[in-house]
Amino acid sequence: MKINLTKNFTAMVTGHGKTNSYLHRFKIIKTPTCLCGKSDQNIDHLLVDCQLLNQDRNLKKSIQRTNNWPTNKRELMGKHIKVFMKFTNEISLDEINVEQNS
């Protein structure tokens, strides 16, 4: 299968990218907390829990029909790759991050 690698897709798969937890780890921003206020903004939070992405989370709806949610990343990259890629490419990490000031 041909996979079009984007910065969002790569960030979601590797955990390296514009999430607040990642940026906070390198002292680029003050807090790792997500703008939704529920928890630290990391990849698992964005995939499963973030209230700011609920409307965009067709990923969850599509996978729940065939599997238990939340699923693991291995299944996302295998059985559900098309839905996973669509989800990751539709979200804007810039819009859901806190101010980038240290």
PDB file of N, CA and C in Angstrom:
ATOM      1  N   MET A   1       0.834  -1.172   0.000  1.00  0.00           N
ATOM      2  CA  MET A   1       0.000   0.000   0.000  1.00  0.00           C
ATOM      3  C   MET A   1       0.888   1.247   0.000  1.00  0.00           C
ATOM      4  N   LYS A   2       0.521   2.189  -0.829  1.00  0.00           N
ATOM      5  CA  LYS A   2       1.252   3.450  -0.885  1.00  0.00           C
ATOM      6  C   LYS A   2       0.702   4.376   0.198  1.00  0.00           C
ATOM      7  N   ILE A   3       1.589   4.892   1.057  1.00  0.00           N
ATOM      8  CA  ILE A   3       1.190   5.770   2.148  1.00  0.00           C
ATOM      9  C   ILE A   3       1.764   7.160   1.904  1.00  0.00           C
ATOM     10  N   ASN A   4       0.896   8.149   1.875  1.00  0.00           N
ATOM     11  CA  ASN A   4       1.322   9.528   1.723  1.00  0.00           C
ATOM     12  C   ASN A   4       1.677  10.075   3.104  1.00  0.00           C
ATOM     13  N   LEU A   5       2.953  10.213   3.372  1.00  0.00           N
ATOM     14  CA  LEU A   5       3.404  10.677   4.682  1.00  0.00           C
ATOM     15  C   LEU A   5       3.237  12.184   4.805  1.00  0.00           C
ATOM     16  N   THR A   6       2.519  12.594   5.836  1.00  0.00           N
ATOM     17  CA  THR A   6       2.342  14.007   6.135  1.00  0.00           C
ATOM     18  C   THR A   6       2.916  14.278   7.513  1.00  0.00           C
ATOM     19  N   LYS A   7       3.077  15.546   7.870  1.00  0.00           N
ATOM     20  CA  LYS A   7       3.635  15.856   9.187  1.00  0.00           C
ATOM     21  C   LYS A   7       2.685  15.396  10.301  1.00  0.00           C
ATOM     22  N   ASN A   8       1.391  15.518  10.114  1.00  0.00           N
ATOM     23  CA  ASN A   8       0.449  15.044  11.134  1.00  0.00           C
ATOM     24  C   ASN A   8       0.502  13.532  11.289  1.00  0.00           C
ATOM     25  N   PHE A   9       0.502  12.821  10.174  1.00  0.00           N
ATOM     26  CA  PHE A   9       0.553  11.363  10.221  1.00  0.00           C
ATOM     27  C   PHE A   9       1.831  10.909  10.909  1.00  0.00           C
ATOM     28  N   THR A  10       2.953  11.498  10.530  1.00  0.00           N
ATOM     29  CA  THR A  10       4.236  11.136  11.132  1.00  0.00           C
ATOM     30  C   THR A  10       4.241  11.435  12.626  1.00  0.00           C
ATOM     31  N   ALA A  11       3.686  12.579  13.029  1.00  0.00           N
ATOM     32  CA  ALA A  11       3.615  12.932  14.448  1.00  0.00           C
ATOM     33  C   ALA A  11       2.766  11.927  15.218  1.00  0.00           C
ATOM     34  N   MET A  12       1.644  11.523  14.663  1.00  0.00           N
ATOM     35  CA  MET A  12       0.758  10.574  15.343  1.00  0.00           C
ATOM     36  C   MET A  12       1.393   9.197  15.481  1.00  0.00           C
ATOM     37  N   VAL A  13       2.144   8.796  14.500  1.00  0.00           N
ATOM     38  CA  VAL A  13       2.761   7.469  14.531  1.00  0.00           C
ATOM     39  C   VAL A  13       3.992   7.446  15.438  1.00  0.00           C
ATOM     40  N   THR A  14       4.803   8.493  15.384  1.00  0.00           N
ATOM     41  CA  THR A  14       6.062   8.493  16.127  1.00  0.00           C
ATOM     42  C   THR A  14       5.966   9.147  17.503  1.00  0.00           C
ATOM     43  N   GLY A  15       4.962  10.006  17.705  1.00  0.00           N
ATOM     44  CA  GLY A  15       4.855  10.737  18.968  1.00  0.00           C
ATOM     45  C   GLY A  15       5.753  11.964  19.001  1.00  0.00           C
ATOM     46  N   HIS A  16       6.408  12.249  17.894  1.00  0.00           N
ATOM     47  CA  HIS A  16       7.287  13.417  17.796  1.00  0.00           C
ATOM     48  C   HIS A  16       6.603  14.469  16.946  1.00  0.00           C
ATOM     49  N   GLY A  17       6.241  15.568  17.548  1.00  0.00           N
ATOM     50  CA  GLY A  17       5.592  16.610  16.771  1.00  0.00           C
ATOM     51  C   GLY A  17       4.956  17.659  17.647  1.00  0.00           C
ATOM     52  N   LYS A  18       4.039  18.379  17.084  1.00  0.00           N
ATOM     53  CA  LYS A  18       3.458  19.544  17.742  1.00  0.00           C
ATOM     54  C   LYS A  18       2.344  19.187  18.730  1.00  0.00           C
ATOM     55  N   THR A  19       2.630  18.338  19.682  1.00  0.00           N
ATOM     56  CA  THR A  19       1.684  18.155  20.785  1.00  0.00           C
ATOM     57  C   THR A  19       2.241  18.921  21.973  1.00  0.00           C
ATOM     58  N   ASN A  20       1.362  19.346  22.845  1.00  0.00           N
ATOM     59  CA  ASN A  20       1.820  20.123  23.999  1.00  0.00           C
ATOM     60  C   ASN A  20       2.767  19.330  24.892  1.00  0.00           C
ATOM     61  N   SER A  21       2.523  18.042  25.061  1.00  0.00           N
ATOM     62  CA  SER A  21       3.421  17.215  25.884  1.00  0.00           C
ATOM     63  C   SER A  21       4.825  17.173  25.290  1.00  0.00           C
ATOM     64  N   TYR A  22       4.894  17.027  23.995  1.00  0.00           N
ATOM     65  CA  TYR A  22       6.195  16.967  23.323  1.00  0.00           C
ATOM     66  C   TYR A  22       6.925  18.307  23.427  1.00  0.00           C
ATOM     67  N   LEU A  23       6.224  19.392  23.156  1.00  0.00           N
ATOM     68  CA  LEU A  23       6.842  20.723  23.216  1.00  0.00           C
ATOM     69  C   LEU A  23       7.235  21.103  24.642  1.00  0.00           C
ATOM     70  N   HIS A  24       6.427  20.686  25.610  1.00  0.00           N
ATOM     71  CA  HIS A  24       6.736  20.965  27.017  1.00  0.00           C
ATOM     72  C   HIS A  24       7.978  20.201  27.470  1.00  0.00           C
ATOM     73  N   ARG A  25       8.125  19.014  26.971  1.00  0.00           N
ATOM     74  CA  ARG A  25       9.279  18.172  27.312  1.00  0.00           C
ATOM     75  C   ARG A  25      10.597  18.877  26.995  1.00  0.00           C
ATOM     76  N   PHE A  26      10.600  19.689  25.949  1.00  0.00           N
ATOM     77  CA  PHE A  26      11.798  20.423  25.553  1.00  0.00           C
ATOM     78  C   PHE A  26      11.767  21.885  25.998  1.00  0.00           C
ATOM     79  N   LYS A  27      10.845  22.171  26.933  1.00  0.00           N
ATOM     80  CA  LYS A  27      10.725  23.511  27.521  1.00  0.00           C
ATOM     81  C   LYS A  27      10.457  24.602  26.483  1.00  0.00           C
ATOM     82  N   ILE A  28       9.737  24.233  25.436  1.00  0.00           N
ATOM     83  CA  ILE A  28       9.350  25.197  24.406  1.00  0.00           C
ATOM     84  C   ILE A  28       8.082  25.933  24.839  1.00  0.00           C
ATOM     85  N   ILE A  29       7.207  25.230  25.560  1.00  0.00           N
ATOM     86  CA  ILE A  29       5.992  25.837  26.103  1.00  0.00           C
ATOM     87  C   ILE A  29       5.917  25.539  27.598  1.00  0.00           C
ATOM     88  N   LYS A  30       5.058  26.269  28.300  1.00  0.00           N
ATOM     89  CA  LYS A  30       4.993  26.184  29.764  1.00  0.00           C
ATOM     90  C   LYS A  30       4.233  24.967  30.284  1.00  0.00           C
ATOM     91  N   THR A  31       3.238  24.518  29.558  1.00  0.00           N
ATOM     92  CA  THR A  31       2.391  23.449  30.085  1.00  0.00           C
ATOM     93  C   THR A  31       2.126  22.368  29.044  1.00  0.00           C
ATOM     94  N   PRO A  32       2.032  21.103  29.489  1.00  0.00           N
ATOM     95  CA  PRO A  32       1.701  20.025  28.565  1.00  0.00           C
ATOM     96  C   PRO A  32       0.188  19.824  28.404  1.00  0.00           C
ATOM     97  N   THR A  33      -0.593  20.593  29.126  1.00  0.00           N
ATOM     98  CA  THR A  33      -2.039  20.391  29.164  1.00  0.00           C
ATOM     99  C   THR A  33      -2.702  20.755  27.837  1.00  0.00           C
ATOM    100  N   CYS A  34      -3.656  19.954  27.450  1.00  0.00           N
ATOM    101  CA  CYS A  34      -4.431  20.205  26.243  1.00  0.00           C
ATOM    102  C   CYS A  34      -5.399  21.358  26.488  1.00  0.00           C
ATOM    103  N   LEU A  35      -5.753  22.061  25.435  1.00  0.00           N
ATOM    104  CA  LEU A  35      -6.717  23.154  25.556  1.00  0.00           C
ATOM    105  C   LEU A  35      -8.079  22.682  26.045  1.00  0.00           C
ATOM    106  N   CYS A  36      -8.399  21.420  25.856  1.00  0.00           N
ATOM    107  CA  CYS A  36      -9.683  20.907  26.347  1.00  0.00           C
ATOM    108  C   CYS A  36      -9.696  20.828  27.868  1.00  0.00           C
ATOM    109  N   GLY A  37      -8.505  20.863  28.491  1.00  0.00           N
ATOM    110  CA  GLY A  37      -8.387  20.846  29.940  1.00  0.00           C
ATOM    111  C   GLY A  37      -8.527  19.485  30.588  1.00  0.00           C
ATOM    112  N   LYS A  38      -8.697  18.450  29.802  1.00  0.00           N
ATOM    113  CA  LYS A  38      -8.932  17.118  30.358  1.00  0.00           C
ATOM    114  C   LYS A  38      -7.659  16.430  30.842  1.00  0.00           C
ATOM    115  N   SER A  39      -6.563  16.598  30.112  1.00  0.00           N
ATOM    116  CA  SER A  39      -5.308  15.950  30.493  1.00  0.00           C
ATOM    117  C   SER A  39      -4.161  16.532  29.667  1.00  0.00           C
ATOM    118  N   ASP A  40      -2.988  15.937  29.824  1.00  0.00           N
ATOM    119  CA  ASP A  40      -1.864  16.344  28.990  1.00  0.00           C
ATOM    120  C   ASP A  40      -2.178  16.005  27.536  1.00  0.00           C
ATOM    121  N   GLN A  41      -1.743  16.859  26.648  1.00  0.00           N
ATOM    122  CA  GLN A  41      -1.995  16.637  25.228  1.00  0.00           C
ATOM    123  C   GLN A  41      -0.880  15.791  24.636  1.00  0.00           C
ATOM    124  N   ASN A  42      -1.146  14.487  24.555  1.00  0.00           N
ATOM    125  CA  ASN A  42      -0.220  13.569  23.911  1.00  0.00           C
ATOM    126  C   ASN A  42      -0.981  12.838  22.808  1.00  0.00           C
ATOM    127  N   ILE A  43      -0.319  11.975  22.104  1.00  0.00           N
ATOM    128  CA  ILE A  43      -0.941  11.299  20.963  1.00  0.00           C
ATOM    129  C   ILE A  43      -2.149  10.470  21.384  1.00  0.00           C
ATOM    130  N   ASP A  44      -2.026   9.698  22.450  1.00  0.00           N
ATOM    131  CA  ASP A  44      -3.155   8.880  22.896  1.00  0.00           C
ATOM    132  C   ASP A  44      -4.358   9.741  23.258  1.00  0.00           C
ATOM    133  N   HIS A  45      -4.115  10.849  23.922  1.00  0.00           N
ATOM    134  CA  HIS A  45      -5.200  11.771  24.275  1.00  0.00           C
ATOM    135  C   HIS A  45      -5.898  12.295  23.016  1.00  0.00           C
ATOM    136  N   LEU A  46      -5.119  12.696  22.017  1.00  0.00           N
ATOM    137  CA  LEU A  46      -5.711  13.219  20.785  1.00  0.00           C
ATOM    138  C   LEU A  46      -6.505  12.154  20.039  1.00  0.00           C
ATOM    139  N   LEU A  47      -6.013  10.943  20.027  1.00  0.00           N
ATOM    140  CA  LEU A  47      -6.705   9.867  19.314  1.00  0.00           C
ATOM    141  C   LEU A  47      -7.987   9.430  20.005  1.00  0.00           C
ATOM    142  N   VAL A  48      -7.994   9.441  21.333  1.00  0.00           N
ATOM    143  CA  VAL A  48      -9.085   8.817  22.067  1.00  0.00           C
ATOM    144  C   VAL A  48      -9.973   9.791  22.835  1.00  0.00           C
ATOM    145  N   ASP A  49      -9.383  10.757  23.540  1.00  0.00           N
ATOM    146  CA  ASP A  49     -10.138  11.517  24.533  1.00  0.00           C
ATOM    147  C   ASP A  49     -10.424  12.979  24.237  1.00  0.00           C
ATOM    148  N   CYS A  50      -9.645  13.637  23.433  1.00  0.00           N
ATOM    149  CA  CYS A  50      -9.729  15.088  23.314  1.00  0.00           C
ATOM    150  C   CYS A  50     -11.115  15.545  22.862  1.00  0.00           C
ATOM    151  N   GLN A  51     -11.741  16.348  23.699  1.00  0.00           N
ATOM    152  CA  GLN A  51     -13.074  16.867  23.404  1.00  0.00           C
ATOM    153  C   GLN A  51     -13.059  17.806  22.198  1.00  0.00           C
ATOM    154  N   LEU A  52     -11.933  18.453  21.946  1.00  0.00           N
ATOM    155  CA  LEU A  52     -11.837  19.377  20.823  1.00  0.00           C
ATOM    156  C   LEU A  52     -11.894  18.660  19.477  1.00  0.00           C
ATOM    157  N   LEU A  53     -11.617  17.375  19.478  1.00  0.00           N
ATOM    158  CA  LEU A  53     -11.614  16.605  18.234  1.00  0.00           C
ATOM    159  C   LEU A  53     -12.822  15.693  18.101  1.00  0.00           C
ATOM    160  N   ASN A  54     -13.784  15.794  18.998  1.00  0.00           N
ATOM    161  CA  ASN A  54     -14.939  14.899  18.952  1.00  0.00           C
ATOM    162  C   ASN A  54     -15.670  14.942  17.614  1.00  0.00           C
ATOM    163  N   GLN A  55     -15.874  16.122  17.068  1.00  0.00           N
ATOM    164  CA  GLN A  55     -16.578  16.213  15.793  1.00  0.00           C
ATOM    165  C   GLN A  55     -15.770  15.617  14.659  1.00  0.00           C
ATOM    166  N   ASP A  56     -14.458  15.688  14.759  1.00  0.00           N
ATOM    167  CA  ASP A  56     -13.593  15.155  13.713  1.00  0.00           C
ATOM    168  C   ASP A  56     -13.326  13.659  13.875  1.00  0.00           C
ATOM    169  N   ARG A  57     -13.768  13.094  14.971  1.00  0.00           N
ATOM    170  CA  ARG A  57     -13.353  11.736  15.295  1.00  0.00           C
ATOM    171  C   ARG A  57     -14.196  10.678  14.591  1.00  0.00           C
ATOM    172  N   ASN A  58     -14.252  10.741  13.262  1.00  0.00           N
ATOM    173  CA  ASN A  58     -14.873   9.676  12.487  1.00  0.00           C
ATOM    174  C   ASN A  58     -14.066   8.397  12.637  1.00  0.00           C
ATOM    175  N   LEU A  59     -12.835   8.552  13.036  1.00  0.00           N
ATOM    176  CA  LEU A  59     -11.956   7.422  13.313  1.00  0.00           C
ATOM    177  C   LEU A  59     -12.635   6.479  14.303  1.00  0.00           C
ATOM    178  N   LYS A  60     -13.113   7.038  15.399  1.00  0.00           N
ATOM    179  CA  LYS A  60     -13.752   6.239  16.438  1.00  0.00           C
ATOM    180  C   LYS A  60     -15.022   5.576  15.912  1.00  0.00           C
ATOM    181  N   LYS A  61     -15.852   6.338  15.213  1.00  0.00           N
ATOM    182  CA  LYS A  61     -17.113   5.793  14.696  1.00  0.00           C
ATOM    183  C   LYS A  61     -16.859   4.650  13.724  1.00  0.00           C
ATOM    184  N   SER A  62     -15.896   4.815  12.853  1.00  0.00           N
ATOM    185  CA  SER A  62     -15.596   3.783  11.861  1.00  0.00           C
ATOM    186  C   SER A  62     -15.064   2.515  12.497  1.00  0.00           C
ATOM    187  N   ILE A  63     -14.209   2.660  13.480  1.00  0.00           N
ATOM    188  CA  ILE A  63     -13.574   1.502  14.097  1.00  0.00           C
ATOM    189  C   ILE A  63     -14.518   0.800  15.066  1.00  0.00           C
ATOM    190  N   GLN A  64     -15.385   1.534  15.739  1.00  0.00           N
ATOM    191  CA  GLN A  64     -16.310   0.912  16.690  1.00  0.00           C
ATOM    192  C   GLN A  64     -17.220  -0.094  16.018  1.00  0.00           C
ATOM    193  N   ARG A  65     -17.502   0.104  14.742  1.00  0.00           N
ATOM    194  CA  ARG A  65     -18.367  -0.846  14.030  1.00  0.00           C
ATOM    195  C   ARG A  65     -17.748  -2.229  13.930  1.00  0.00           C
ATOM    196  N   THR A  66     -16.430  -2.270  13.884  1.00  0.00           N
ATOM    197  CA  THR A  66     -15.758  -3.552  13.665  1.00  0.00           C
ATOM    198  C   THR A  66     -14.909  -4.008  14.848  1.00  0.00           C
ATOM    199  N   ASN A  67     -14.661  -3.138  15.797  1.00  0.00           N
ATOM    200  CA  ASN A  67     -13.695  -3.418  16.855  1.00  0.00           C
ATOM    201  C   ASN A  67     -14.111  -2.754  18.155  1.00  0.00           C
ATOM    202  N   ASN A  68     -13.382  -3.041  19.198  1.00  0.00           N
ATOM    203  CA  ASN A  68     -13.539  -2.305  20.443  1.00  0.00           C
ATOM    204  C   ASN A  68     -12.753  -1.014  20.362  1.00  0.00           C
ATOM    205  N   TRP A  69     -13.280   0.018  20.953  1.00  0.00           N
ATOM    206  CA  TRP A  69     -12.583   1.308  21.016  1.00  0.00           C
ATOM    207  C   TRP A  69     -12.205   1.563  22.448  1.00  0.00           C
ATOM    208  N   PRO A  70     -11.053   2.057  22.796  1.00  0.00           N
ATOM    209  CA  PRO A  70      -9.992   2.414  21.856  1.00  0.00           C
ATOM    210  C   PRO A  70      -9.226   1.198  21.393  1.00  0.00           C
ATOM    211  N   THR A  71      -8.749   1.271  20.206  1.00  0.00           N
ATOM    212  CA  THR A  71      -7.938   0.201  19.644  1.00  0.00           C
ATOM    213  C   THR A  71      -6.465   0.546  19.847  1.00  0.00           C
ATOM    214  N   ASN A  72      -5.595  -0.371  19.564  1.00  0.00           N
ATOM    215  CA  ASN A  72      -4.169  -0.070  19.732  1.00  0.00           C
ATOM    216  C   ASN A  72      -3.593   0.507  18.438  1.00  0.00           C
ATOM    217  N   LYS A  73      -2.426   1.108  18.557  1.00  0.00           N
ATOM    218  CA  LYS A  73      -1.813   1.774  17.401  1.00  0.00           C
ATOM    219  C   LYS A  73      -1.439   0.791  16.301  1.00  0.00           C
ATOM    220  N   ARG A  74      -1.123  -0.431  16.664  1.00  0.00           N
ATOM    221  CA  ARG A  74      -0.784  -1.439  15.667  1.00  0.00           C
ATOM    222  C   ARG A  74      -1.980  -1.706  14.745  1.00  0.00           C
ATOM    223  N   GLU A  75      -3.172  -1.807  15.329  1.00  0.00           N
ATOM    224  CA  GLU A  75      -4.364  -2.013  14.508  1.00  0.00           C
ATOM    225  C   GLU A  75      -4.693  -0.772  13.685  1.00  0.00           C
ATOM    226  N   LEU A  76      -4.454   0.414  14.259  1.00  0.00           N
ATOM    227  CA  LEU A  76      -4.678   1.644  13.491  1.00  0.00           C
ATOM    228  C   LEU A  76      -3.802   1.659  12.251  1.00  0.00           C
ATOM    229  N   MET A  77      -2.560   1.224  12.402  1.00  0.00           N
ATOM    230  CA  MET A  77      -1.613   1.230  11.284  1.00  0.00           C
ATOM    231  C   MET A  77      -1.840   0.064  10.328  1.00  0.00           C
ATOM    232  N   GLY A  78      -2.579  -0.937  10.755  1.00  0.00           N
ATOM    233  CA  GLY A  78      -2.828  -2.093   9.903  1.00  0.00           C
ATOM    234  C   GLY A  78      -4.232  -2.090   9.338  1.00  0.00           C
ATOM    235  N   LYS A  79      -5.161  -2.588  10.131  1.00  0.00           N
ATOM    236  CA  LYS A  79      -6.540  -2.760   9.684  1.00  0.00           C
ATOM    237  C   LYS A  79      -7.256  -1.454   9.354  1.00  0.00           C
ATOM    238  N   HIS A  80      -6.887  -0.376  10.020  1.00  0.00           N
ATOM    239  CA  HIS A  80      -7.641   0.871   9.897  1.00  0.00           C
ATOM    240  C   HIS A  80      -6.811   2.016   9.321  1.00  0.00           C
ATOM    241  N   ILE A  81      -5.826   1.699   8.499  1.00  0.00           N
ATOM    242  CA  ILE A  81      -4.878   2.707   8.032  1.00  0.00           C
ATOM    243  C   ILE A  81      -5.546   3.838   7.264  1.00  0.00           C
ATOM    244  N   LYS A  82      -6.515   3.547   6.417  1.00  0.00           N
ATOM    245  CA  LYS A  82      -7.152   4.605   5.620  1.00  0.00           C
ATOM    246  C   LYS A  82      -7.916   5.590   6.499  1.00  0.00           C
ATOM    247  N   VAL A  83      -8.671   5.074   7.444  1.00  0.00           N
ATOM    248  CA  VAL A  83      -9.436   5.932   8.351  1.00  0.00           C
ATOM    249  C   VAL A  83      -8.481   6.714   9.251  1.00  0.00           C
ATOM    250  N   PHE A  84      -7.428   6.057   9.722  1.00  0.00           N
ATOM    251  CA  PHE A  84      -6.436   6.701  10.577  1.00  0.00           C
ATOM    252  C   PHE A  84      -5.743   7.849   9.843  1.00  0.00           C
ATOM    253  N   MET A  85      -5.341   7.618   8.612  1.00  0.00           N
ATOM    254  CA  MET A  85      -4.682   8.660   7.834  1.00  0.00           C
ATOM    255  C   MET A  85      -5.626   9.834   7.572  1.00  0.00           C
ATOM    256  N   LYS A  86      -6.869   9.541   7.268  1.00  0.00           N
ATOM    257  CA  LYS A  86      -7.843  10.607   7.030  1.00  0.00           C
ATOM    258  C   LYS A  86      -7.999  11.473   8.279  1.00  0.00           C
ATOM    259  N   PHE A  87      -8.129  10.837   9.433  1.00  0.00           N
ATOM    260  CA  PHE A  87      -8.265  11.566  10.700  1.00  0.00           C
ATOM    261  C   PHE A  87      -7.044  12.432  10.982  1.00  0.00           C
ATOM    262  N   THR A  88      -5.866  11.843  10.874  1.00  0.00           N
ATOM    263  CA  THR A  88      -4.658  12.601  11.210  1.00  0.00           C
ATOM    264  C   THR A  88      -4.433  13.765  10.260  1.00  0.00           C
ATOM    265  N   ASN A  89      -4.806  13.609   9.017  1.00  0.00           N
ATOM    266  CA  ASN A  89      -4.586  14.678   8.054  1.00  0.00           C
ATOM    267  C   ASN A  89      -5.641  15.783   8.132  1.00  0.00           C
ATOM    268  N   GLU A  90      -6.767  15.514   8.777  1.00  0.00           N
ATOM    269  CA  GLU A  90      -7.820  16.523   8.886  1.00  0.00           C
ATOM    270  C   GLU A  90      -7.683  17.411  10.115  1.00  0.00           C
ATOM    271  N   ILE A  91      -6.966  16.964  11.128  1.00  0.00           N
ATOM    272  CA  ILE A  91      -6.851  17.792  12.332  1.00  0.00           C
ATOM    273  C   ILE A  91      -5.753  18.834  12.164  1.00  0.00           C
ATOM    274  N   SER A  92      -5.911  19.930  12.879  1.00  0.00           N
ATOM    275  CA  SER A  92      -4.902  20.987  12.854  1.00  0.00           C
ATOM    276  C   SER A  92      -4.272  21.074  14.234  1.00  0.00           C
ATOM    277  N   LEU A  93      -3.073  20.538  14.367  1.00  0.00           N
ATOM    278  CA  LEU A  93      -2.394  20.574  15.653  1.00  0.00           C
ATOM    279  C   LEU A  93      -2.119  22.009  16.081  1.00  0.00           C
ATOM    280  N   ASP A  94      -1.916  22.896  15.136  1.00  0.00           N
ATOM    281  CA  ASP A  94      -1.679  24.304  15.475  1.00  0.00           C
ATOM    282  C   ASP A  94      -2.888  24.922  16.175  1.00  0.00           C
ATOM    283  N   GLU A  95      -4.074  24.534  15.774  1.00  0.00           N
ATOM    284  CA  GLU A  95      -5.290  25.115  16.354  1.00  0.00           C
ATOM    285  C   GLU A  95      -5.604  24.591  17.743  1.00  0.00           C
ATOM    286  N   ILE A  96      -5.121  23.406  18.090  1.00  0.00           N
ATOM    287  CA  ILE A  96      -5.464  22.851  19.396  1.00  0.00           C
ATOM    288  C   ILE A  96      -4.310  22.890  20.388  1.00  0.00           C
ATOM    289  N   ASN A  97      -3.251  23.604  20.069  1.00  0.00           N
ATOM    290  CA  ASN A  97      -2.121  23.769  20.990  1.00  0.00           C
ATOM    291  C   ASN A  97      -2.240  25.082  21.734  1.00  0.00           C
ATOM    292  N   VAL A  98      -1.665  25.104  22.930  1.00  0.00           N
ATOM    293  CA  VAL A  98      -1.621  26.341  23.708  1.00  0.00           C
ATOM    294  C   VAL A  98      -0.640  27.298  23.034  1.00  0.00           C
ATOM    295  N   GLU A  99      -0.637  28.522  23.477  1.00  0.00           N
ATOM    296  CA  GLU A  99       0.312  29.506  22.955  1.00  0.00           C
ATOM    297  C   GLU A  99       1.720  28.930  23.025  1.00  0.00           C
ATOM    298  N   GLN A 100       2.486  29.134  22.014  1.00  0.00           N
ATOM    299  CA  GLN A 100       3.822  28.559  21.906  1.00  0.00           C
ATOM    300  C   GLN A 100       4.883  29.413  22.610  1.00  0.00           C
ATOM    301  N   ASN A 101       4.518  30.110  23.665  1.00  0.00           N
ATOM    302  CA  ASN A 101       5.478  30.962  24.388  1.00  0.00           C
ATOM    303  C   ASN A 101       6.047  30.219  25.573  1.00  0.00           C
ATOM    304  N   SER A 102       7.350  30.337  25.789  1.00  0.00           N
ATOM    305  CA  SER A 102       7.952  29.678  26.959  1.00  0.00           C
ATOM    306  C   SER A 102       7.952  30.601  28.133  1.00  0.00           C
TER     307      SER A 102
END
